[in-house]
Protein backbone atom coordinates (compact mmCIF):
# COMPACT_ATOMS: atom_id res chain seq x y z
CA MET A 1 -57.09 -53.27 50.28
CA LEU A 2 -55.83 -54.21 46.87
CA PHE A 3 -57.97 -56.22 44.57
CA ARG A 4 -57.89 -57.09 40.85
CA ALA A 5 -60.43 -59.54 39.47
CA GLU A 6 -59.27 -61.76 36.63
CA GLY A 7 -60.59 -65.02 35.31
CA PHE A 8 -60.16 -67.52 32.52
CA ILE A 9 -62.54 -69.38 30.28
CA ILE A 10 -60.82 -72.34 28.67
CA ARG A 11 -62.10 -73.71 25.38
CA PRO A 12 -60.40 -76.21 23.05
CA LEU A 13 -59.08 -75.06 19.69
CA GLN A 14 -57.83 -77.96 17.60
CA ALA A 15 -54.46 -78.94 19.07
CA THR A 16 -54.24 -75.94 21.38
CA THR A 17 -56.17 -74.36 24.21
CA VAL A 18 -57.20 -70.72 23.95
CA VAL A 19 -57.47 -68.83 27.22
CA VAL A 20 -59.97 -66.00 27.34
CA MET A 21 -59.59 -63.13 29.76
CA ALA A 22 -62.55 -61.93 31.82
CA ALA A 23 -63.61 -58.50 30.69
CA LEU A 24 -61.70 -56.54 33.29
CA LEU A 25 -61.36 -52.99 32.08
CA ILE A 26 -57.94 -51.35 32.06
CA THR A 27 -58.38 -47.61 32.36
CA LEU A 28 -56.43 -45.36 30.05
CA HIS A 29 -53.95 -43.88 32.48
CA SER A 30 -53.22 -41.07 30.05
CA LEU A 31 -56.66 -39.71 30.91
CA ALA A 32 -55.32 -38.91 34.36
CA GLN A 33 -52.59 -36.64 33.06
CA ILE A 34 -53.44 -33.12 34.09
CA ASN A 35 -52.66 -30.15 31.87
CA SER A 36 -49.34 -28.66 32.96
CA ALA A 37 -50.90 -25.20 33.13
CA GLN A 38 -53.04 -26.34 36.07
CA PRO A 39 -51.80 -26.50 39.69
CA THR A 40 -49.51 -29.42 40.47
CA TYR A 41 -48.73 -31.41 43.61
CA VAL A 42 -45.88 -30.30 45.86
CA GLY A 43 -45.91 -32.86 48.70
CA ASN A 44 -46.43 -32.69 52.45
CA SER A 45 -43.03 -31.19 53.20
CA ALA A 46 -44.02 -27.98 51.41
CA CYS A 47 -47.02 -27.68 53.74
CA ALA A 48 -44.85 -28.13 56.84
CA LYS A 49 -43.05 -24.81 56.33
CA CYS A 50 -46.15 -22.82 57.31
CA HIS A 51 -48.32 -25.43 59.03
CA SER A 52 -45.77 -27.18 61.22
CA SER A 53 -48.10 -28.12 64.10
CA ILE A 54 -50.73 -29.60 61.76
CA TYR A 55 -47.98 -31.34 59.80
CA GLU A 56 -46.55 -32.93 62.95
CA SER A 57 -49.98 -34.03 64.13
CA TYR A 58 -51.01 -35.43 60.76
CA SER A 59 -47.70 -37.28 60.34
CA ARG A 60 -48.87 -39.59 63.17
CA HIS A 61 -52.31 -40.15 61.60
CA PRO A 62 -53.03 -43.61 60.06
CA MET A 63 -53.76 -41.98 56.70
CA ALA A 64 -50.28 -40.45 56.61
CA LEU A 65 -48.77 -43.82 57.52
CA ASP A 66 -50.72 -45.79 54.91
CA SER A 67 -47.85 -46.55 52.51
CA GLY A 68 -44.13 -46.24 52.03
CA PRO A 69 -40.91 -48.14 51.40
CA VAL A 70 -39.97 -51.09 53.59
CA ASP A 71 -36.75 -50.04 55.29
CA SER A 72 -35.18 -49.78 58.71
CA GLU A 73 -37.41 -46.81 59.58
CA THR A 74 -40.65 -48.59 58.71
CA PRO A 75 -43.08 -48.73 61.64
CA LEU A 76 -43.76 -52.31 62.77
CA GLN A 77 -40.43 -53.40 61.32
CA LYS A 78 -39.97 -55.63 64.38
CA LEU A 79 -42.86 -57.76 63.11
CA PHE A 80 -40.96 -59.04 60.08
CA LYS A 81 -40.71 -62.59 61.28
CA GLY A 82 -43.29 -65.33 60.86
CA SER A 83 -44.38 -68.41 58.96
CA PHE A 84 -47.53 -70.30 58.05
CA ARG A 85 -48.89 -72.85 55.60
CA ASN A 86 -51.85 -71.94 53.40
CA LYS A 87 -54.44 -74.74 53.44
CA ALA A 88 -55.83 -74.07 49.97
CA SER A 89 -52.48 -74.32 48.18
CA SER A 90 -50.35 -76.23 50.73
CA ILE A 91 -47.65 -73.60 50.12
CA TYR A 92 -45.44 -72.84 53.13
CA TYR A 93 -44.58 -69.14 53.57
CA GLN A 94 -41.86 -67.51 55.66
CA ILE A 95 -41.27 -63.83 56.39
CA TYR A 96 -37.79 -62.93 57.54
CA ARG A 97 -34.92 -60.46 57.48
CA GLU A 98 -31.78 -61.01 55.44
CA GLY A 99 -29.26 -58.28 56.17
CA ASN A 100 -31.02 -54.98 55.54
CA ARG A 101 -33.71 -56.58 53.40
CA THR A 102 -37.11 -58.02 54.29
CA LEU A 103 -38.21 -61.03 52.27
CA PHE A 104 -40.92 -63.63 52.00
CA GLY A 105 -40.06 -67.16 51.01
CA TYR A 106 -42.33 -69.85 49.62
CA GLU A 107 -42.14 -73.57 48.88
CA ARG A 108 -44.58 -76.27 47.88
CA SER A 109 -43.98 -79.72 49.33
CA ASP A 110 -45.65 -81.52 46.42
CA ASP A 111 -43.75 -79.59 43.72
CA PRO A 112 -40.05 -78.86 44.31
CA THR A 113 -40.02 -76.45 41.33
CA THR A 114 -42.23 -74.05 43.32
CA HIS A 115 -39.84 -72.41 45.72
CA GLY A 116 -38.12 -69.06 45.99
CA LYS A 117 -37.95 -65.76 47.79
CA GLN A 118 -38.83 -62.18 47.00
CA GLU A 119 -37.91 -58.92 48.67
CA LEU A 120 -40.76 -56.83 50.09
CA ASN A 121 -40.23 -53.30 48.76
CA TYR A 122 -43.27 -51.30 49.90
CA PHE A 123 -45.97 -51.53 52.55
CA VAL A 124 -49.63 -50.57 52.26
CA GLY A 125 -51.76 -50.06 55.37
CA SER A 126 -51.15 -48.07 58.55
CA GLY A 127 -50.75 -51.19 60.68
CA ARG A 128 -53.70 -50.53 63.00
CA VAL A 129 -55.74 -53.29 61.39
CA GLY A 130 -53.01 -54.83 59.32
CA ARG A 131 -50.52 -54.25 56.58
CA SER A 132 -49.98 -55.64 53.09
CA TYR A 133 -46.79 -55.54 51.05
CA LEU A 134 -45.70 -54.98 47.47
CA TYR A 135 -42.72 -56.38 45.65
CA SER A 136 -41.06 -55.21 42.45
CA LEU A 137 -39.98 -57.51 39.63
CA ASP A 138 -38.20 -55.71 36.78
CA GLY A 139 -40.00 -52.57 37.95
CA TYR A 140 -43.45 -54.21 37.83
CA LEU A 141 -45.28 -54.00 41.15
CA TYR A 142 -47.22 -56.93 42.63
CA GLN A 143 -49.00 -57.49 45.90
CA ALA A 144 -47.24 -60.05 48.07
CA PRO A 145 -49.34 -63.07 49.04
CA VAL A 146 -48.52 -62.47 52.73
CA SER A 147 -49.98 -59.79 55.00
CA TYR A 148 -49.65 -58.96 58.68
CA TYR A 149 -52.87 -58.78 60.73
CA ALA A 150 -52.24 -56.58 63.76
CA GLN A 151 -55.42 -57.31 65.71
CA LYS A 152 -54.55 -61.01 65.89
CA ASP A 153 -50.78 -60.51 65.74
CA ARG A 154 -50.29 -63.01 62.94
CA TRP A 155 -49.16 -63.40 59.36
CA ASP A 156 -51.51 -64.99 56.84
CA MET A 157 -52.64 -64.76 53.22
CA SER A 158 -53.41 -61.30 51.88
CA PRO A 159 -57.09 -60.35 51.46
CA GLY A 160 -58.67 -62.23 48.59
CA TYR A 161 -55.89 -64.83 48.42
CA GLU A 162 -57.18 -67.24 51.07
CA PHE A 163 -58.61 -69.81 48.66
CA ASP A 164 -56.10 -69.65 45.80
CA SER A 165 -54.79 -73.11 44.96
CA GLU A 166 -51.67 -71.63 43.32
CA LEU A 167 -49.26 -68.98 44.50
CA PRO A 168 -51.22 -65.80 43.74
CA VAL A 169 -49.90 -62.98 41.58
CA ARG A 170 -51.75 -59.66 41.65
CA PRO A 171 -50.48 -56.75 39.52
CA ILE A 172 -50.71 -53.38 41.26
CA GLU A 173 -52.39 -51.07 38.80
CA LYS A 174 -52.25 -47.33 39.31
CA SER A 175 -55.85 -47.31 40.49
CA CYS A 176 -54.98 -49.75 43.31
CA LEU A 177 -52.83 -47.08 44.97
CA PHE A 178 -55.28 -44.19 44.68
CA CYS A 179 -56.36 -44.34 48.33
CA HIS A 180 -53.04 -45.48 49.78
CA ALA A 181 -50.44 -43.03 48.46
CA GLY A 182 -49.99 -39.56 47.05
CA GLU A 183 -48.90 -39.18 43.45
CA VAL A 184 -47.37 -42.36 42.04
CA ASN A 185 -44.52 -42.84 39.61
CA HIS A 186 -46.37 -45.04 37.10
CA GLU A 187 -44.92 -45.65 33.63
CA ALA A 188 -47.40 -45.00 30.83
CA GLY A 189 -48.07 -47.80 28.39
CA THR A 190 -47.81 -50.50 31.06
CA LEU A 191 -50.27 -52.03 33.48
CA ASN A 192 -48.14 -51.99 36.61
CA ARG A 193 -44.60 -50.77 35.96
CA TYR A 194 -43.26 -47.93 38.11
CA ALA A 195 -40.08 -45.92 38.24
CA SER A 196 -38.28 -45.87 41.57
CA PRO A 197 -39.47 -44.77 44.04
CA ALA A 198 -43.01 -45.85 43.20
CA PHE A 199 -44.58 -43.12 45.35
CA PHE A 200 -43.86 -39.41 45.07
CA GLN A 201 -45.54 -39.01 48.47
CA ASN A 202 -45.85 -41.78 51.04
CA GLY A 203 -49.26 -42.20 52.61
CA VAL A 204 -52.34 -40.12 51.90
CA SER A 205 -51.06 -36.63 51.18
CA CYS A 206 -52.34 -33.29 52.46
CA GLU A 207 -53.26 -32.47 48.87
CA ARG A 208 -55.61 -35.45 48.57
CA CYS A 209 -58.07 -33.46 50.70
CA HIS A 210 -56.96 -29.87 50.02
CA GLY A 211 -56.02 -29.97 46.33
CA PRO A 212 -52.72 -29.36 44.49
CA GLY A 213 -50.59 -26.75 46.23
CA SER A 214 -48.18 -25.37 43.62
CA GLU A 215 -50.06 -22.08 43.20
CA HIS A 216 -50.77 -21.74 46.91
CA ILE A 217 -47.12 -21.87 47.96
CA LYS A 218 -46.48 -19.03 45.50
CA GLY A 219 -49.21 -16.99 47.18
CA LEU A 220 -51.39 -17.12 44.05
CA ALA A 221 -54.29 -19.28 45.26
CA LYS A 222 -56.05 -20.60 48.33
CA MET A 223 -56.16 -24.25 49.30
CA VAL A 224 -59.52 -26.03 49.50
CA ASN A 225 -60.99 -26.29 53.00
CA PRO A 226 -63.47 -29.19 52.86
CA ALA A 227 -65.35 -27.89 55.90
CA LYS A 228 -66.31 -24.73 53.97
CA LEU A 229 -67.65 -26.52 50.90
CA ASP A 230 -71.32 -27.19 50.24
CA PRO A 231 -72.42 -30.58 51.68
CA GLU A 232 -72.13 -32.67 48.51
CA ARG A 233 -68.68 -31.33 47.63
CA ARG A 234 -67.54 -31.62 51.26
CA ASP A 235 -68.67 -35.23 51.44
CA SER A 236 -67.04 -36.01 48.08
CA VAL A 237 -63.61 -35.42 49.61
CA CYS A 238 -64.06 -38.30 52.08
CA ALA A 239 -66.12 -40.47 49.74
CA GLN A 240 -63.35 -40.65 47.13
CA CYS A 241 -61.75 -43.29 49.37
CA HIS A 242 -64.31 -44.22 52.03
CA LEU A 243 -67.22 -45.07 49.74
CA LEU A 244 -66.62 -48.63 48.60
CA SER A 245 -70.09 -49.59 47.28
CA GLU A 246 -70.74 -52.89 45.52
CA VAL A 247 -69.52 -51.56 42.17
CA ARG A 248 -67.91 -48.27 41.16
CA ILE A 249 -68.04 -47.25 37.50
CA LEU A 250 -66.11 -44.33 36.03
CA LYS A 251 -67.91 -41.78 33.90
CA PRO A 252 -66.94 -41.63 30.20
CA ARG A 253 -63.32 -40.54 29.75
CA LYS A 254 -62.89 -39.92 33.48
CA ASP A 255 -60.29 -41.15 35.94
CA LEU A 256 -60.25 -40.79 39.73
CA TYR A 257 -56.79 -39.23 39.54
CA GLN A 258 -58.46 -36.28 37.79
CA PHE A 259 -60.72 -35.60 40.77
CA ARG A 260 -59.86 -32.49 42.77
CA PRO A 261 -61.22 -31.50 46.20
CA GLY A 262 -64.02 -29.00 45.68
CA GLU A 263 -65.47 -30.99 42.78
CA LEU A 264 -68.31 -33.49 42.85
CA LEU A 265 -67.23 -37.11 42.98
CA SER A 266 -70.44 -37.97 41.12
CA ASP A 267 -69.03 -36.14 38.08
CA TYR A 268 -66.26 -38.77 37.93
CA ALA A 269 -67.83 -42.01 39.09
CA SER A 270 -71.13 -43.70 39.87
CA HIS A 271 -71.49 -46.04 42.83
CA PHE A 272 -73.96 -48.91 43.00
CA VAL A 273 -75.29 -51.03 45.85
CA TYR A 274 -77.82 -53.83 46.03
CA ALA A 275 -81.40 -52.57 46.19
CA ASN A 276 -81.84 -54.95 49.12
CA ASN A 277 -78.58 -55.22 51.01
CA GLY A 278 -79.85 -58.05 53.18
CA ASN A 279 -77.37 -59.84 55.42
CA GLN A 280 -74.37 -59.67 53.11
CA GLY A 281 -71.96 -58.58 55.82
CA LEU A 282 -69.96 -55.42 56.34
CA ARG A 283 -66.84 -54.55 54.40
CA THR A 284 -63.69 -52.75 55.42
CA ILE A 285 -64.07 -49.46 53.55
CA SER A 286 -67.81 -48.96 53.54
CA HIS A 287 -68.01 -46.13 56.08
CA VAL A 288 -70.06 -43.81 53.88
CA GLU A 289 -72.61 -46.53 53.20
CA GLU A 290 -72.82 -47.41 56.89
CA ILE A 291 -73.21 -43.86 58.15
CA ALA A 292 -76.01 -43.28 55.62
CA GLN A 293 -77.96 -46.07 57.36
CA SER A 294 -77.59 -44.51 60.80
CA LYS A 295 -80.45 -42.71 62.52
CA CYS A 296 -78.03 -39.92 63.38
CA LYS A 297 -77.38 -39.18 59.71
CA ARG A 298 -80.97 -39.67 58.59
CA GLN A 299 -82.23 -37.15 61.15
CA SER A 300 -79.33 -34.69 60.87
CA GLY A 301 -79.13 -34.66 57.08
CA ASP A 302 -76.42 -32.44 55.61
CA ARG A 303 -75.56 -31.01 59.02
CA MET A 304 -73.74 -34.25 59.81
CA SER A 305 -70.60 -35.31 57.97
CA CYS A 306 -67.42 -37.27 58.61
CA LEU A 307 -65.99 -34.04 60.04
CA SER A 308 -68.64 -34.03 62.77
CA CYS A 309 -66.73 -36.79 64.55
CA HIS A 310 -63.31 -36.97 62.89
CA ASP A 311 -60.48 -34.46 62.77
CA PRO A 312 -58.50 -35.57 59.69
CA HIS A 313 -55.34 -33.95 61.11
CA TYR A 314 -55.48 -35.69 64.50
CA PHE A 315 -55.88 -39.29 65.59
CA PRO A 316 -56.65 -39.66 69.30
CA PRO A 317 -54.27 -42.02 71.14
CA PRO A 318 -55.80 -45.01 72.98
CA GLU A 319 -55.75 -43.36 76.40
CA VAL A 320 -58.05 -40.51 75.33
CA ARG A 321 -60.04 -42.21 72.57
CA VAL A 322 -63.15 -42.93 74.68
CA SER A 323 -63.44 -39.42 76.10
CA TYR A 324 -62.58 -37.81 72.75
CA PHE A 325 -65.40 -39.49 70.88
CA ARG A 326 -67.80 -39.18 73.83
CA GLU A 327 -67.46 -35.43 73.53
CA LYS A 328 -68.27 -35.68 69.83
CA CYS A 329 -71.47 -37.57 70.65
CA LEU A 330 -72.44 -35.14 73.41
CA ALA A 331 -72.14 -32.18 71.05
CA CYS A 332 -75.45 -33.36 69.57
CA HIS A 333 -77.00 -35.49 72.32
CA GLN A 334 -76.26 -33.43 75.48
CA PRO A 335 -78.64 -30.50 74.84
CA GLN A 336 -81.74 -32.74 74.70
CA ALA A 337 -80.65 -35.13 77.45
CA THR A 338 -82.58 -35.85 80.63
CA ALA A 339 -80.83 -35.78 84.00
CA TRP A 340 -80.41 -39.58 83.93
CA GLN A 341 -79.08 -39.49 80.40
CA LYS A 342 -76.52 -36.83 81.32
CA GLN A 343 -75.20 -39.04 84.11
CA HIS A 344 -75.21 -42.02 81.72
CA PHE A 345 -73.27 -40.06 79.09
CA GLN A 346 -70.48 -39.08 81.48
CA GLN A 347 -69.77 -42.64 82.57
CA LEU A 348 -69.85 -44.82 79.49
CA ASP A 349 -67.95 -45.54 76.30
CA CYS A 350 -70.38 -44.40 73.57
CA ILE A 351 -68.60 -46.04 70.65
CA GLY A 352 -67.87 -49.18 72.65
CA CYS A 353 -71.62 -49.90 72.77
CA HIS A 354 -73.03 -48.13 69.74
CA MET A 355 -70.16 -48.47 67.24
CA GLN A 356 -68.68 -51.84 68.07
CA LYS A 357 -65.88 -53.36 66.06
CA THR A 358 -67.24 -56.05 63.78
CA SER A 359 -65.73 -58.66 61.50
CA ARG A 360 -65.50 -57.77 57.82
CA VAL A 361 -66.38 -60.14 55.00
CA ASP A 362 -63.59 -58.91 52.72
CA VAL A 363 -60.63 -59.07 55.14
CA GLY A 364 -60.00 -62.09 57.34
CA HIS A 365 -58.58 -61.69 60.86
CA ALA A 366 -59.75 -58.06 61.01
CA ALA A 367 -62.53 -56.02 62.57
CA ALA A 368 -63.47 -52.40 61.97
CA THR A 369 -65.74 -49.84 63.58
CA ASP A 370 -69.40 -50.18 62.62
CA HIS A 371 -70.50 -46.73 61.47
CA ARG A 372 -74.22 -47.52 61.52
CA ILE A 373 -74.32 -46.15 65.12
CA LEU A 374 -76.77 -48.76 66.36
CA ARG A 375 -78.84 -47.88 69.43
CA ARG A 376 -78.49 -51.35 70.90
CA PRO A 377 -75.41 -53.58 70.79
CA LEU A 378 -75.11 -55.83 67.78
CA LYS A 379 -76.97 -59.10 67.63
CA GLN A 380 -77.23 -61.85 65.05
CA THR A 381 -79.76 -61.24 62.32
CA THR A 382 -81.66 -63.63 60.10
CA GLU A 383 -82.21 -61.27 57.20
CA PRO A 384 -82.20 -62.72 53.69
CA GLY A 385 -79.15 -62.34 51.50
CA PRO A 386 -78.78 -59.42 49.11
CA GLY A 387 -81.13 -59.16 46.18
CA GLU A 388 -80.11 -59.25 42.53
CA SER A 389 -80.90 -55.66 41.51
CA LEU A 390 -78.54 -52.70 41.74
CA ILE A 391 -79.39 -49.07 42.49
CA GLY A 392 -77.27 -45.94 42.45
CA PHE A 393 -75.86 -44.75 45.78
CA GLY A 394 -76.04 -41.01 46.34
CA SER A 395 -76.67 -40.02 42.73
CA LYS A 396 -79.04 -40.76 39.87
CA GLU A 397 -78.00 -43.81 37.91
CA SER A 398 -77.49 -43.66 34.16
CA PRO A 399 -78.18 -46.67 31.88
CA ARG A 400 -74.53 -46.73 30.75
CA GLU A 401 -73.08 -46.90 34.25
CA LEU A 402 -75.78 -49.32 35.43
CA GLY A 403 -75.08 -51.64 32.50
CA LEU A 404 -71.35 -51.59 33.20
CA ALA A 405 -72.03 -52.20 36.90
CA TYR A 406 -74.08 -55.30 36.11
CA ALA A 407 -71.37 -56.50 33.73
CA GLU A 408 -68.67 -56.13 36.39
CA LEU A 409 -70.84 -57.76 39.03
CA ALA A 410 -71.56 -60.69 36.69
CA LEU A 411 -67.84 -61.52 36.61
CA ARG A 412 -67.98 -62.13 40.36
CA THR A 413 -71.41 -63.72 40.68
CA ASN A 414 -71.91 -65.48 37.32
CA ASN A 415 -75.55 -64.56 37.92
CA SER A 416 -77.81 -64.88 34.86
CA HIS A 417 -79.86 -61.82 35.85
CA HIS A 418 -76.73 -59.68 36.11
CA LYS A 419 -75.56 -60.90 32.69
CA SER A 420 -78.90 -60.31 31.00
CA GLU A 421 -79.29 -56.82 32.47
CA ALA A 422 -75.76 -55.91 31.39
CA PHE A 423 -76.40 -57.25 27.89
CA ARG A 424 -79.70 -55.38 27.56
CA LEU A 425 -78.51 -52.04 28.91
CA LEU A 426 -75.17 -51.97 27.09
CA ASN A 427 -76.79 -52.81 23.76
CA GLU A 428 -79.22 -49.96 24.31
CA GLU A 429 -76.36 -47.55 25.12
CA LEU A 430 -74.00 -48.61 22.31
CA GLN A 431 -75.51 -46.21 19.79
CA GLN A 432 -74.91 -43.26 22.12
CA TYR A 433 -71.41 -44.46 23.07
CA PRO A 434 -70.00 -46.09 19.89
CA LYS A 435 -66.38 -45.29 20.90
CA ASP A 436 -66.68 -45.93 24.63
CA ILE A 437 -63.96 -48.50 25.39
CA GLU A 438 -65.61 -49.77 28.56
CA VAL A 439 -68.95 -50.33 26.82
CA LEU A 440 -67.30 -51.97 23.81
CA VAL A 441 -65.18 -54.43 25.80
CA ARG A 442 -67.84 -55.41 28.33
CA LEU A 443 -70.42 -55.97 25.60
CA ALA A 444 -67.93 -57.87 23.43
CA PHE A 445 -67.20 -60.23 26.30
CA LEU A 446 -70.92 -60.88 26.83
CA TYR A 447 -71.32 -61.69 23.13
CA GLN A 448 -68.26 -63.92 23.29
CA GLU A 449 -69.73 -65.83 26.24
CA ARG A 450 -72.88 -66.37 24.16
CA GLY A 451 -70.84 -67.80 21.30
CA GLU A 452 -71.59 -64.87 18.98
CA PHE A 453 -67.97 -64.46 17.93
CA GLU A 454 -68.48 -62.31 14.84
CA ARG A 455 -70.26 -59.63 16.86
CA ALA A 456 -67.70 -59.89 19.66
CA ARG A 457 -64.84 -59.53 17.16
CA ALA A 458 -66.26 -56.29 15.73
CA LEU A 459 -66.63 -54.78 19.20
CA TYR A 460 -63.12 -55.80 20.32
CA GLU A 461 -61.66 -54.36 17.12
CA ALA A 462 -63.50 -51.09 17.74
CA ALA A 463 -62.13 -50.94 21.29
CA LEU A 464 -58.55 -51.55 20.15
CA SER A 465 -58.85 -48.84 17.52
CA GLU A 466 -59.54 -46.45 20.41
CA ASN A 467 -56.85 -47.85 22.72
CA PRO A 468 -54.27 -50.37 21.39
CA HIS A 469 -53.20 -51.11 25.01
CA GLN A 470 -56.60 -52.49 26.03
CA SER A 471 -55.24 -55.87 27.08
CA VAL A 472 -58.58 -57.60 27.71
CA ALA A 473 -59.66 -56.78 24.15
CA ALA A 474 -56.26 -57.88 22.79
CA VAL A 475 -56.28 -61.25 24.58
CA ASN A 476 -59.88 -62.07 23.73
CA LEU A 477 -59.76 -60.84 20.14
CA GLY A 478 -56.66 -62.98 19.70
CA ALA A 479 -58.68 -65.97 20.89
CA ILE A 480 -61.34 -65.23 18.27
CA TYR A 481 -58.72 -64.82 15.52
CA ALA A 482 -57.19 -68.15 16.55
CA ARG A 483 -60.59 -69.84 16.23
CA GLU A 484 -60.72 -68.47 12.68
CA ASN A 485 -57.21 -69.78 11.97
CA GLN A 486 -55.81 -66.25 11.78
CA VAL A 487 -52.95 -67.30 14.03
CA GLU A 488 -50.50 -64.59 12.97
CA ARG A 489 -52.97 -61.85 13.87
CA ALA A 490 -53.64 -63.57 17.20
CA ILE A 491 -49.92 -63.82 17.98
CA GLU A 492 -49.43 -60.13 17.26
CA LEU A 493 -52.17 -59.22 19.76
CA TRP A 494 -50.83 -61.54 22.48
CA VAL A 495 -47.32 -60.14 22.11
CA THR A 496 -48.73 -56.65 22.61
CA ALA A 497 -50.69 -57.77 25.67
CA LEU A 498 -47.55 -59.31 27.23
CA ASP A 499 -45.59 -56.12 26.61
CA TYR A 500 -48.28 -54.30 28.58
CA ASP A 501 -48.48 -56.91 31.35
CA PRO A 502 -45.72 -59.56 31.36
CA SER A 503 -47.54 -61.57 34.03
CA SER A 504 -50.69 -61.99 31.92
CA ARG A 505 -51.46 -65.69 32.12
CA PRO A 506 -53.98 -65.84 29.24
CA ALA A 507 -51.72 -63.87 26.90
CA GLY A 508 -48.63 -65.93 27.78
CA ILE A 509 -50.30 -69.34 27.58
CA ASN A 510 -52.09 -68.55 24.32
CA LEU A 511 -48.93 -67.17 22.75
CA ALA A 512 -46.78 -70.13 23.80
CA GLU A 513 -49.29 -72.68 22.54
CA SER A 514 -49.69 -70.89 19.22
CA LEU A 515 -45.93 -70.71 18.70
CA CYS A 516 -45.70 -74.36 19.68
CA SER A 517 -48.37 -75.37 17.16
CA LYS A 518 -46.39 -73.50 14.46
CA GLY A 519 -43.30 -75.53 15.32
CA ASP A 520 -41.41 -72.71 17.05
CA GLN A 521 -40.60 -74.65 20.22
CA LYS A 522 -37.64 -72.46 21.14
CA GLN A 523 -39.68 -69.26 21.25
CA ALA A 524 -42.57 -71.02 23.00
CA ARG A 525 -40.19 -72.15 25.75
CA LEU A 526 -38.84 -68.62 26.18
CA ILE A 527 -42.37 -67.26 26.59
CA LEU A 528 -43.29 -69.91 29.17
CA ARG A 529 -40.10 -69.41 31.18
CA LYS A 530 -40.66 -65.65 31.26
CA LEU A 531 -44.27 -66.23 32.32
CA LEU A 532 -43.10 -68.55 35.11
CA ARG A 533 -40.69 -65.89 36.32
CA PHE A 534 -43.72 -63.75 37.12
CA ASN A 535 -46.03 -66.69 37.98
CA PRO A 536 -43.69 -69.26 39.59
CA ASP A 537 -46.50 -71.66 40.53
CA LEU A 538 -48.42 -71.60 37.22
CA ARG A 539 -49.12 -75.28 36.71
CA ILE A 540 -50.41 -75.06 33.15
CA ALA A 541 -47.14 -73.42 32.05
CA LYS A 542 -45.10 -76.12 33.78
CA GLN A 543 -47.20 -78.83 32.16
CA LEU A 544 -46.71 -77.29 28.72
CA LEU A 545 -42.95 -77.31 29.22
CA ARG A 546 -43.08 -80.95 30.26
CA ASP A 547 -45.24 -81.78 27.23
CA MET A 548 -42.65 -80.22 24.94
CA ASP A 549 -40.17 -82.79 26.19
CA SER A 550 -42.53 -85.68 25.62
CA ALA A 551 -43.48 -87.68 22.56
CA ARG A 552 -46.97 -86.18 22.54
CA SER A 553 -45.73 -82.62 22.11
CA PRO A 554 -47.50 -80.89 19.20
CA CYS A 555 -44.33 -78.93 18.44
CA ARG A 556 -41.67 -81.52 19.14
CA ALA A 557 -38.86 -81.13 16.62
């Protein structure tokens, strides 16, 4: 799944409106650049020369099929035909073929200016549960608003888009592709621009679990075998993608693309869950959290891992799936079984009863295997909802990461407890981390929400001195400068933010309105038209263009 949270806070500023960006942190991608002296990635084809049988088997695994270009060889290509109308936006979508290209079209009945089509360039998802798609605009990658849901054989809105009242636009940052593709061809200094092809390796590569192979193919080093690692390092290999948690926070100056199999994931990121999970529902990629709740795992401890039941090189076909996983269960349960239990084991589908497929709260029209391994089939519960407090999952929490986790969670919940905990913890940690961009930007945003603009300005300025491409800091500091009538400084920041992300709604709207208020209607129009190219249903931009043609325009010549 591909998600990017972004929000606006709109406040009046004299004749203009300043849009403030929610404090979403943009990681410095340069941190992920690995020293050239270290081993590099070589791709699956290099592995095939010596490991042909494993290569052939893995090439049919859902992980290997999790991403790639949309072309005539794409699995499920026959499904590229469908249509539906989204209730929240009233936009009508069509998915169709045009020659050798696959496109989605869109039109809004109540606004004839919202219509168009876009080629689907890449897919994400193996197709077992469903598949999402990416499109490229001037080299910038975005998630398409349409996805195919295999279990219900239907097209509908992509996860997280169901309730958008406008045509959604979601930039695909480098971090979005971490668990869907091998190395990616991202262009530094941009949020979501990629050279072509966007992926150096389609799907999850062999090296995601075994480490870079450049030295190994020269005979100078061994590859990592996760099964031979100590339990925490072994489990880290799977958890890098299969531990979702409520919030994941990177360690200072760390990036998940730096992680190498054999290392501890906890050295790169902290994961947080609610102290009381309650009845919040299961999510699509929460396998590690679920298995930790199972009696099997609690009693087996480190002896049990993902590898106890799953062969990452082989995916059992439907006709043998029941017997394959039954044998995995019997490896532990057969030795202690009574005569009746042994007969019971040989006849039934273990996972069909004890690991049923359940609906997921984060992906509509989809169900996934429940890894809690419940003794009795699922039944409705009346547990309370999740509590407010967060705790670390699998590792000791630090005040810095906990404060950042509360700050990120507050963007989704708008919960006063989450905001106050973030504010308290981050203020306490600021002295220890005076140049930490994440701490600076999150804390600045909290001060800005409180109306303490002078303090927020100082923190945003400190963040930008560390990373001039921090677009959240640029947009929000520009808003503060504009409040102080430092319009030229604000414009400079918004121009920089748009260079980094040309689809940025707050940067584009703020810049256009500021240019308009200065009397530069021509440049304001150019900014709005470019913004609408990336956001074709952005109503505020359309309204601003209409206002410029009316007598009430603040920048009418």
